[in-house]
Every structure is written in structure tokens, then in C-alpha cells.
Amino acid sequence: MDRIVFEWDPRKNEVNIGKHGVSFIVAQRAFLDPKRVIAEDIEHSRSEKRYYCFGEVDGAVITVRFIYKDQTIRIFGAGHWRKGRKIYEKAQS
């Protein structure tokens, strides 16, 4: 089985921490949640497919925005999004 690699822009990570309080290091843990939900971001997928990962980390649901290419997940946004929590909880019922 191939190994998945995570990457991100360090400057974007710092901006994200300031804006949403979530580092991309923490955000990648959402992918470890066995009940995670992956959904395509149809609204923003113009030149490349973009996705959401809704997963639980330390008792809270995190929404992670990312692209997937060549066995690499590139994170470009993450935070505690109410709509993401609702999507996650609905998928569990």
C-alpha cells in the first residue's frame, strides 16, 4: 500500500492558525478518524478538484480543505466549521 504524504504552505498555516485557531499539523489528524467524511468542494473546484475532510480531533469536529494529487494531500485550510460538524454528525446517524 502506498503511503500518503501531507504538505502545506508554511505561511498559509500561520495565517490559518491566526484566523481559525487550527494548525495544519493538527488538521491532518482529521484523516485518522475512522468515521471521517470526505466530500468534493464542487463550488470551488474549477481548475482542480478540491475536497473537504470532516473528522474528529480531540473531541471536536474539524473541517479540512485540501487537494489530492500524486499520493499527496495538500492542506490549504482548516477550522471548526458549524456546517462541517452538522455534515459529520448526519453521516454518523
PDB file of N, CA and C in Angstrom:
ATOM      1  N   MET A   1       0.842  -1.185   0.000  1.00  0.00           N
ATOM      2  CA  MET A   1       0.000   0.000   0.000  1.00  0.00           C
ATOM      3  C   MET A   1       0.890   1.253   0.000  1.00  0.00           C
ATOM      4  N   ASP A   2       0.550   2.205  -0.835  1.00  0.00           N
ATOM      5  CA  ASP A   2       1.316   3.443  -0.906  1.00  0.00           C
ATOM      6  C   ASP A   2       1.055   4.317   0.311  1.00  0.00           C
ATOM      7  N   ARG A   3       2.046   5.091   0.652  1.00  0.00           N
ATOM      8  CA  ARG A   3       1.965   5.993   1.805  1.00  0.00           C
ATOM      9  C   ARG A   3       1.456   7.359   1.347  1.00  0.00           C
ATOM     10  N   ILE A   4       0.525   7.917   2.111  1.00  0.00           N
ATOM     11  CA  ILE A   4       0.011   9.248   1.821  1.00  0.00           C
ATOM     12  C   ILE A   4       0.920  10.273   2.505  1.00  0.00           C
ATOM     13  N   VAL A   5       1.216  11.342   1.794  1.00  0.00           N
ATOM     14  CA  VAL A   5       2.054  12.414   2.309  1.00  0.00           C
ATOM     15  C   VAL A   5       1.193  13.663   2.438  1.00  0.00           C
ATOM     16  N   PHE A   6       1.390  14.394   3.518  1.00  0.00           N
ATOM     17  CA  PHE A   6       0.712  15.669   3.722  1.00  0.00           C
ATOM     18  C   PHE A   6       1.706  16.792   3.479  1.00  0.00           C
ATOM     19  N   GLU A   7       1.220  17.880   2.870  1.00  0.00           N
ATOM     20  CA  GLU A   7       2.046  19.068   2.697  1.00  0.00           C
ATOM     21  C   GLU A   7       1.156  20.299   2.782  1.00  0.00           C
ATOM     22  N   TRP A   8       1.811  21.452   3.002  1.00  0.00           N
ATOM     23  CA  TRP A   8       1.108  22.727   3.048  1.00  0.00           C
ATOM     24  C   TRP A   8       2.124  23.847   2.969  1.00  0.00           C
ATOM     25  N   ASP A   9       1.617  25.018   2.674  1.00  0.00           N
ATOM     26  CA  ASP A   9       2.433  26.226   2.634  1.00  0.00           C
ATOM     27  C   ASP A   9       2.589  26.714   4.083  1.00  0.00           C
ATOM     28  N   PRO A  10       3.812  26.820   4.595  1.00  0.00           N
ATOM     29  CA  PRO A  10       4.009  27.248   5.986  1.00  0.00           C
ATOM     30  C   PRO A  10       3.400  28.621   6.292  1.00  0.00           C
ATOM     31  N   ARG A  11       3.446  29.528   5.338  1.00  0.00           N
ATOM     32  CA  ARG A  11       2.848  30.857   5.562  1.00  0.00           C
ATOM     33  C   ARG A  11       1.332  30.755   5.674  1.00  0.00           C
ATOM     34  N   LYS A  12       0.729  29.927   4.818  1.00  0.00           N
ATOM     35  CA  LYS A  12      -0.726  29.717   4.869  1.00  0.00           C
ATOM     36  C   LYS A  12      -1.118  29.079   6.201  1.00  0.00           C
ATOM     37  N   ASN A  13      -0.275  28.188   6.708  1.00  0.00           N
ATOM     38  CA  ASN A  13      -0.513  27.569   8.004  1.00  0.00           C
ATOM     39  C   ASN A  13      -0.555  28.624   9.110  1.00  0.00           C
ATOM     40  N   GLU A  14       0.405  29.535   9.110  1.00  0.00           N
ATOM     41  CA  GLU A  14       0.439  30.591  10.123  1.00  0.00           C
ATOM     42  C   GLU A  14      -0.800  31.489  10.044  1.00  0.00           C
ATOM     43  N   VAL A  15      -1.207  31.833   8.831  1.00  0.00           N
ATOM     44  CA  VAL A  15      -2.422  32.636   8.645  1.00  0.00           C
ATOM     45  C   VAL A  15      -3.632  31.873   9.166  1.00  0.00           C
ATOM     46  N   ASN A  16      -3.690  30.584   8.867  1.00  0.00           N
ATOM     47  CA  ASN A  16      -4.817  29.763   9.293  1.00  0.00           C
ATOM     48  C   ASN A  16      -4.894  29.670  10.817  1.00  0.00           C
ATOM     49  N   ILE A  17      -3.746  29.532  11.467  1.00  0.00           N
ATOM     50  CA  ILE A  17      -3.723  29.481  12.933  1.00  0.00           C
ATOM     51  C   ILE A  17      -4.281  30.786  13.499  1.00  0.00           C
ATOM     52  N   GLY A  18      -3.846  31.909  12.948  1.00  0.00           N
ATOM     53  CA  GLY A  18      -4.334  33.194  13.431  1.00  0.00           C
ATOM     54  C   GLY A  18      -5.815  33.413  13.182  1.00  0.00           C
ATOM     55  N   LYS A  19      -6.288  32.936  12.053  1.00  0.00           N
ATOM     56  CA  LYS A  19      -7.679  33.170  11.660  1.00  0.00           C
ATOM     57  C   LYS A  19      -8.648  32.161  12.269  1.00  0.00           C
ATOM     58  N   HIS A  20      -8.245  30.871  12.301  1.00  0.00           N
ATOM     59  CA  HIS A  20      -9.166  29.806  12.715  1.00  0.00           C
ATOM     60  C   HIS A  20      -8.718  29.038  13.955  1.00  0.00           C
ATOM     61  N   GLY A  21      -7.502  29.288  14.435  1.00  0.00           N
ATOM     62  CA  GLY A  21      -7.027  28.624  15.642  1.00  0.00           C
ATOM     63  C   GLY A  21      -6.669  27.155  15.466  1.00  0.00           C
ATOM     64  N   VAL A  22      -6.466  26.722  14.221  1.00  0.00           N
ATOM     65  CA  VAL A  22      -6.138  25.315  13.956  1.00  0.00           C
ATOM     66  C   VAL A  22      -4.902  25.267  13.064  1.00  0.00           C
ATOM     67  N   SER A  23      -3.879  24.534  13.514  1.00  0.00           N
ATOM     68  CA  SER A  23      -2.690  24.349  12.679  1.00  0.00           C
ATOM     69  C   SER A  23      -2.932  23.194  11.716  1.00  0.00           C
ATOM     70  N   PHE A  24      -2.208  23.192  10.621  1.00  0.00           N
ATOM     71  CA  PHE A  24      -2.339  22.107   9.658  1.00  0.00           C
ATOM     72  C   PHE A  24      -1.747  20.808  10.206  1.00  0.00           C
ATOM     73  N   ILE A  25      -0.843  20.919  11.161  1.00  0.00           N
ATOM     74  CA  ILE A  25      -0.314  19.717  11.831  1.00  0.00           C
ATOM     75  C   ILE A  25      -1.444  19.011  12.568  1.00  0.00           C
ATOM     76  N   VAL A  26      -2.254  19.770  13.279  1.00  0.00           N
ATOM     77  CA  VAL A  26      -3.422  19.201  13.974  1.00  0.00           C
ATOM     78  C   VAL A  26      -4.470  18.757  12.955  1.00  0.00           C
ATOM     79  N   ALA A  27      -4.694  19.561  11.931  1.00  0.00           N
ATOM     80  CA  ALA A  27      -5.734  19.278  10.942  1.00  0.00           C
ATOM     81  C   ALA A  27      -5.527  17.929  10.251  1.00  0.00           C
ATOM     82  N   GLN A  28      -4.293  17.538  10.021  1.00  0.00           N
ATOM     83  CA  GLN A  28      -4.073  16.268   9.327  1.00  0.00           C
ATOM     84  C   GLN A  28      -4.581  15.079  10.141  1.00  0.00           C
ATOM     85  N   ARG A  29      -4.738  15.263  11.438  1.00  0.00           N
ATOM     86  CA  ARG A  29      -5.260  14.180  12.286  1.00  0.00           C
ATOM     87  C   ARG A  29      -6.729  13.872  11.997  1.00  0.00           C
ATOM     88  N   ALA A  30      -7.456  14.801  11.357  1.00  0.00           N
ATOM     89  CA  ALA A  30      -8.859  14.537  10.984  1.00  0.00           C
ATOM     90  C   ALA A  30      -8.946  13.341  10.040  1.00  0.00           C
ATOM     91  N   PHE A  31      -7.896  13.107   9.254  1.00  0.00           N
ATOM     92  CA  PHE A  31      -7.897  11.994   8.312  1.00  0.00           C
ATOM     93  C   PHE A  31      -7.748  10.649   9.014  1.00  0.00           C
ATOM     94  N   LEU A  32      -7.321  10.657  10.278  1.00  0.00           N
ATOM     95  CA  LEU A  32      -7.176   9.422  11.049  1.00  0.00           C
ATOM     96  C   LEU A  32      -8.497   8.949  11.651  1.00  0.00           C
ATOM     97  N   ASP A  33      -9.482   9.822  11.685  1.00  0.00           N
ATOM     98  CA  ASP A  33     -10.788   9.465  12.244  1.00  0.00           C
ATOM     99  C   ASP A  33     -11.426   8.400  11.355  1.00  0.00           C
ATOM    100  N   PRO A  34     -11.695   7.200  11.884  1.00  0.00           N
ATOM    101  CA  PRO A  34     -12.296   6.152  11.046  1.00  0.00           C
ATOM    102  C   PRO A  34     -13.704   6.520  10.557  1.00  0.00           C
ATOM    103  N   LYS A  35     -14.339   7.498  11.189  1.00  0.00           N
ATOM    104  CA  LYS A  35     -15.679   7.930  10.781  1.00  0.00           C
ATOM    105  C   LYS A  35     -15.637   9.228   9.966  1.00  0.00           C
ATOM    106  N   ARG A  36     -14.449   9.631   9.522  1.00  0.00           N
ATOM    107  CA  ARG A  36     -14.312  10.877   8.758  1.00  0.00           C
ATOM    108  C   ARG A  36     -15.223  10.845   7.535  1.00  0.00           C
ATOM    109  N   VAL A  37     -15.556  12.036   7.054  1.00  0.00           N
ATOM    110  CA  VAL A  37     -16.364  12.184   5.847  1.00  0.00           C
ATOM    111  C   VAL A  37     -15.539  13.009   4.854  1.00  0.00           C
ATOM    112  N   ILE A  38     -15.405  12.497   3.633  1.00  0.00           N
ATOM    113  CA  ILE A  38     -14.714  13.215   2.568  1.00  0.00           C
ATOM    114  C   ILE A  38     -15.773  13.635   1.546  1.00  0.00           C
ATOM    115  N   ALA A  39     -15.757  14.907   1.175  1.00  0.00           N
ATOM    116  CA  ALA A  39     -16.732  15.419   0.207  1.00  0.00           C
ATOM    117  C   ALA A  39     -16.024  16.341  -0.772  1.00  0.00           C
ATOM    118  N   GLU A  40     -16.473  16.308  -2.017  1.00  0.00           N
ATOM    119  CA  GLU A  40     -15.901  17.209  -3.021  1.00  0.00           C
ATOM    120  C   GLU A  40     -16.451  18.613  -2.815  1.00  0.00           C
ATOM    121  N   ASP A  41     -15.584  19.602  -2.935  1.00  0.00           N
ATOM    122  CA  ASP A  41     -15.977  21.011  -2.858  1.00  0.00           C
ATOM    123  C   ASP A  41     -16.322  21.458  -4.277  1.00  0.00           C
ATOM    124  N   ILE A  42     -17.549  21.208  -4.667  1.00  0.00           N
ATOM    125  CA  ILE A  42     -17.990  21.485  -6.034  1.00  0.00           C
ATOM    126  C   ILE A  42     -17.953  22.981  -6.337  1.00  0.00           C
ATOM    127  N   GLU A  43     -18.276  23.788  -5.347  1.00  0.00           N
ATOM    128  CA  GLU A  43     -18.331  25.242  -5.553  1.00  0.00           C
ATOM    129  C   GLU A  43     -16.971  25.840  -5.927  1.00  0.00           C
ATOM    130  N   HIS A  44     -15.890  25.272  -5.390  1.00  0.00           N
ATOM    131  CA  HIS A  44     -14.561  25.851  -5.607  1.00  0.00           C
ATOM    132  C   HIS A  44     -13.651  24.979  -6.477  1.00  0.00           C
ATOM    133  N   SER A  45     -14.180  23.914  -7.072  1.00  0.00           N
ATOM    134  CA  SER A  45     -13.374  23.017  -7.899  1.00  0.00           C
ATOM    135  C   SER A  45     -13.442  23.445  -9.357  1.00  0.00           C
ATOM    136  N   ARG A  46     -12.668  24.441  -9.708  1.00  0.00           N
ATOM    137  CA  ARG A  46     -12.671  24.914 -11.093  1.00  0.00           C
ATOM    138  C   ARG A  46     -11.482  24.348 -11.860  1.00  0.00           C
ATOM    139  N   SER A  47     -10.284  24.742 -11.515  1.00  0.00           N
ATOM    140  CA  SER A  47      -9.101  24.275 -12.241  1.00  0.00           C
ATOM    141  C   SER A  47      -8.583  22.944 -11.694  1.00  0.00           C
ATOM    142  N   GLU A  48      -8.944  22.606 -10.463  1.00  0.00           N
ATOM    143  CA  GLU A  48      -8.542  21.343  -9.853  1.00  0.00           C
ATOM    144  C   GLU A  48      -9.608  20.931  -8.855  1.00  0.00           C
ATOM    145  N   LYS A  49      -9.736  19.621  -8.628  1.00  0.00           N
ATOM    146  CA  LYS A  49     -10.724  19.136  -7.667  1.00  0.00           C
ATOM    147  C   LYS A  49     -10.269  19.474  -6.259  1.00  0.00           C
ATOM    148  N   ARG A  50     -11.185  20.056  -5.497  1.00  0.00           N
ATOM    149  CA  ARG A  50     -10.932  20.368  -4.092  1.00  0.00           C
ATOM    150  C   ARG A  50     -11.894  19.557  -3.235  1.00  0.00           C
ATOM    151  N   TYR A  51     -11.453  19.282  -2.021  1.00  0.00           N
ATOM    152  CA  TYR A  51     -12.225  18.415  -1.147  1.00  0.00           C
ATOM    153  C   TYR A  51     -12.284  18.970   0.275  1.00  0.00           C
ATOM    154  N   TYR A  52     -13.243  18.434   1.016  1.00  0.00           N
ATOM    155  CA  TYR A  52     -13.359  18.660   2.452  1.00  0.00           C
ATOM    156  C   TYR A  52     -13.151  17.323   3.149  1.00  0.00           C
ATOM    157  N   CYS A  53     -12.500  17.357   4.285  1.00  0.00           N
ATOM    158  CA  CYS A  53     -12.471  16.225   5.204  1.00  0.00           C
ATOM    159  C   CYS A  53     -13.073  16.720   6.505  1.00  0.00           C
ATOM    160  N   PHE A  54     -14.128  16.049   6.947  1.00  0.00           N
ATOM    161  CA  PHE A  54     -14.748  16.350   8.235  1.00  0.00           C
ATOM    162  C   PHE A  54     -14.374  15.214   9.169  1.00  0.00           C
ATOM    163  N   GLY A  55     -13.589  15.520  10.203  1.00  0.00           N
ATOM    164  CA  GLY A  55     -13.146  14.473  11.109  1.00  0.00           C
ATOM    165  C   GLY A  55     -12.978  14.988  12.525  1.00  0.00           C
ATOM    166  N   GLU A  56     -13.091  14.071  13.468  1.00  0.00           N
ATOM    167  CA  GLU A  56     -12.997  14.446  14.879  1.00  0.00           C
ATOM    168  C   GLU A  56     -11.541  14.401  15.341  1.00  0.00           C
ATOM    169  N   VAL A  57     -11.143  15.473  16.024  1.00  0.00           N
ATOM    170  CA  VAL A  57      -9.805  15.584  16.608  1.00  0.00           C
ATOM    171  C   VAL A  57      -9.975  16.138  18.019  1.00  0.00           C
ATOM    172  N   ASP A  58      -9.503  15.407  18.994  1.00  0.00           N
ATOM    173  CA  ASP A  58      -9.585  15.841  20.402  1.00  0.00           C
ATOM    174  C   ASP A  58     -11.005  16.248  20.802  1.00  0.00           C
ATOM    175  N   GLY A  59     -11.995  15.474  20.352  1.00  0.00           N
ATOM    176  CA  GLY A  59     -13.382  15.695  20.760  1.00  0.00           C
ATOM    177  C   GLY A  59     -14.136  16.767  19.995  1.00  0.00           C
ATOM    178  N   ALA A  60     -13.503  17.385  19.001  1.00  0.00           N
ATOM    179  CA  ALA A  60     -14.169  18.415  18.194  1.00  0.00           C
ATOM    180  C   ALA A  60     -14.042  18.057  16.717  1.00  0.00           C
ATOM    181  N   VAL A  61     -15.063  18.382  15.947  1.00  0.00           N
ATOM    182  CA  VAL A  61     -15.027  18.117  14.509  1.00  0.00           C
ATOM    183  C   VAL A  61     -14.301  19.267  13.814  1.00  0.00           C
ATOM    184  N   ILE A  62     -13.331  18.909  12.997  1.00  0.00           N
ATOM    185  CA  ILE A  62     -12.563  19.879  12.221  1.00  0.00           C
ATOM    186  C   ILE A  62     -12.901  19.684  10.745  1.00  0.00           C
ATOM    187  N   THR A  63     -13.044  20.789  10.045  1.00  0.00           N
ATOM    188  CA  THR A  63     -13.209  20.769   8.599  1.00  0.00           C
ATOM    189  C   THR A  63     -11.864  21.124   7.972  1.00  0.00           C
ATOM    190  N   VAL A  64     -11.371  20.248   7.107  1.00  0.00           N
ATOM    191  CA  VAL A  64     -10.091  20.454   6.440  1.00  0.00           C
ATOM    192  C   VAL A  64     -10.347  20.597   4.940  1.00  0.00           C
ATOM    193  N   ARG A  65      -9.831  21.666   4.349  1.00  0.00           N
ATOM    194  CA  ARG A  65      -9.931  21.868   2.906  1.00  0.00           C
ATOM    195  C   ARG A  65      -8.605  21.440   2.289  1.00  0.00           C
ATOM    196  N   PHE A  66      -8.687  20.641   1.202  1.00  0.00           N
ATOM    197  CA  PHE A  66      -7.463  20.089   0.634  1.00  0.00           C
ATOM    198  C   PHE A  66      -7.642  19.704  -0.834  1.00  0.00           C
ATOM    199  N   ILE A  67      -6.510  19.486  -1.487  1.00  0.00           N
ATOM    200  CA  ILE A  67      -6.478  18.850  -2.804  1.00  0.00           C
ATOM    201  C   ILE A  67      -5.682  17.563  -2.657  1.00  0.00           C
ATOM    202  N   TYR A  68      -5.924  16.624  -3.573  1.00  0.00           N
ATOM    203  CA  TYR A  68      -5.232  15.337  -3.550  1.00  0.00           C
ATOM    204  C   TYR A  68      -4.614  15.105  -4.921  1.00  0.00           C
ATOM    205  N   LYS A  69      -3.304  14.930  -4.942  1.00  0.00           N
ATOM    206  CA  LYS A  69      -2.617  14.728  -6.206  1.00  0.00           C
ATOM    207  C   LYS A  69      -1.344  13.925  -5.969  1.00  0.00           C
ATOM    208  N   ASP A  70      -1.155  12.896  -6.765  1.00  0.00           N
ATOM    209  CA  ASP A  70       0.067  12.086  -6.711  1.00  0.00           C
ATOM    210  C   ASP A  70       0.390  11.594  -5.303  1.00  0.00           C
ATOM    211  N   GLN A  71      -0.589  10.986  -4.645  1.00  0.00           N
ATOM    212  CA  GLN A  71      -0.408  10.430  -3.297  1.00  0.00           C
ATOM    213  C   GLN A  71      -0.085  11.489  -2.245  1.00  0.00           C
ATOM    214  N   THR A  72      -0.396  12.744  -2.544  1.00  0.00           N
ATOM    215  CA  THR A  72      -0.125  13.842  -1.616  1.00  0.00           C
ATOM    216  C   THR A  72      -1.405  14.608  -1.324  1.00  0.00           C
ATOM    217  N   ILE A  73      -1.665  14.824  -0.052  1.00  0.00           N
ATOM    218  CA  ILE A  73      -2.771  15.668   0.383  1.00  0.00           C
ATOM    219  C   ILE A  73      -2.181  17.020   0.736  1.00  0.00           C
ATOM    220  N   ARG A  74      -2.591  18.040  -0.015  1.00  0.00           N
ATOM    221  CA  ARG A  74      -2.116  19.406   0.241  1.00  0.00           C
ATOM    222  C   ARG A  74      -3.224  20.155   0.952  1.00  0.00           C
ATOM    223  N   ILE A  75      -3.006  20.461   2.223  1.00  0.00           N
ATOM    224  CA  ILE A  75      -3.979  21.173   3.049  1.00  0.00           C
ATOM    225  C   ILE A  75      -3.822  22.671   2.800  1.00  0.00           C
ATOM    226  N   PHE A  76      -4.959  23.348   2.596  1.00  0.00           N
ATOM    227  CA  PHE A  76      -4.893  24.801   2.421  1.00  0.00           C
ATOM    228  C   PHE A  76      -5.880  25.538   3.311  1.00  0.00           C
ATOM    229  N   GLY A  77      -6.598  24.824   4.159  1.00  0.00           N
ATOM    230  CA  GLY A  77      -7.493  25.480   5.107  1.00  0.00           C
ATOM    231  C   GLY A  77      -8.021  24.482   6.121  1.00  0.00           C
ATOM    232  N   ALA A  78      -8.278  24.955   7.342  1.00  0.00           N
ATOM    233  CA  ALA A  78      -8.840  24.087   8.381  1.00  0.00           C
ATOM    234  C   ALA A  78      -9.430  24.943   9.482  1.00  0.00           C
ATOM    235  N   GLY A  79     -10.493  24.432  10.073  1.00  0.00           N
ATOM    236  CA  GLY A  79     -11.110  25.149  11.179  1.00  0.00           C
ATOM    237  C   GLY A  79     -12.309  24.410  11.729  1.00  0.00           C
ATOM    238  N   HIS A  80     -12.909  24.986  12.735  1.00  0.00           N
ATOM    239  CA  HIS A  80     -14.113  24.447  13.363  1.00  0.00           C
ATOM    240  C   HIS A  80     -15.305  25.120  12.696  1.00  0.00           C
ATOM    241  N   TRP A  81     -15.901  24.450  11.729  1.00  0.00           N
ATOM    242  CA  TRP A  81     -16.972  24.987  10.918  1.00  0.00           C
ATOM    243  C   TRP A  81     -18.280  24.309  11.327  1.00  0.00           C
ATOM    244  N   ARG A  82     -19.267  25.088  11.766  1.00  0.00           N
ATOM    245  CA  ARG A  82     -20.530  24.509  12.238  1.00  0.00           C
ATOM    246  C   ARG A  82     -21.174  23.613  11.187  1.00  0.00           C
ATOM    247  N   LYS A  83     -21.167  24.055   9.939  1.00  0.00           N
ATOM    248  CA  LYS A  83     -21.762  23.256   8.871  1.00  0.00           C
ATOM    249  C   LYS A  83     -21.020  21.921   8.724  1.00  0.00           C
ATOM    250  N   GLY A  84     -19.713  21.938   8.879  1.00  0.00           N
ATOM    251  CA  GLY A  84     -18.925  20.711   8.813  1.00  0.00           C
ATOM    252  C   GLY A  84     -19.308  19.743   9.920  1.00  0.00           C
ATOM    253  N   ARG A  85     -19.506  20.276  11.123  1.00  0.00           N
ATOM    254  CA  ARG A  85     -19.925  19.422  12.249  1.00  0.00           C
ATOM    255  C   ARG A  85     -21.282  18.797  11.956  1.00  0.00           C
ATOM    256  N   LYS A  86     -22.198  19.555  11.381  1.00  0.00           N
ATOM    257  CA  LYS A  86     -23.532  19.035  11.056  1.00  0.00           C
ATOM    258  C   LYS A  86     -23.445  17.930  10.005  1.00  0.00           C
ATOM    259  N   ILE A  87     -22.611  18.128   8.988  1.00  0.00           N
ATOM    260  CA  ILE A  87     -22.433  17.109   7.948  1.00  0.00           C
ATOM    261  C   ILE A  87     -21.855  15.845   8.569  1.00  0.00           C
ATOM    262  N   TYR A  88     -20.858  16.002   9.433  1.00  0.00           N
ATOM    263  CA  TYR A  88     -20.224  14.861  10.102  1.00  0.00           C
ATOM    264  C   TYR A  88     -21.247  14.108  10.964  1.00  0.00           C
ATOM    265  N   GLU A  89     -21.994  14.857  11.777  1.00  0.00           N
ATOM    266  CA  GLU A  89     -22.961  14.214  12.671  1.00  0.00           C
ATOM    267  C   GLU A  89     -24.080  13.511  11.894  1.00  0.00           C
ATOM    268  N   LYS A  90     -24.522  14.109  10.800  1.00  0.00           N
ATOM    269  CA  LYS A  90     -25.569  13.478   9.984  1.00  0.00           C
ATOM    270  C   LYS A  90     -25.073  12.180   9.391  1.00  0.00           C
ATOM    271  N   ALA A  91     -23.817  12.139   8.982  1.00  0.00           N
ATOM    272  CA  ALA A  91     -23.247  10.916   8.405  1.00  0.00           C
ATOM    273  C   ALA A  91     -23.128   9.785   9.432  1.00  0.00           C
ATOM    274  N   GLN A  92     -23.078  10.137  10.704  1.00  0.00           N
ATOM    275  CA  GLN A  92     -22.930   9.132  11.762  1.00  0.00           C
ATOM    276  C   GLN A  92     -24.267   8.519  12.152  1.00  0.00           C
ATOM    277  N   SER A  93     -25.371   9.156  11.791  1.00  0.00           N
ATOM    278  CA  SER A  93     -26.691   8.635  12.218  1.00  0.00           C
ATOM    279  C   SER A  93     -27.297   7.698  11.202  1.00  0.00           C
TER     280      SER A  93
END
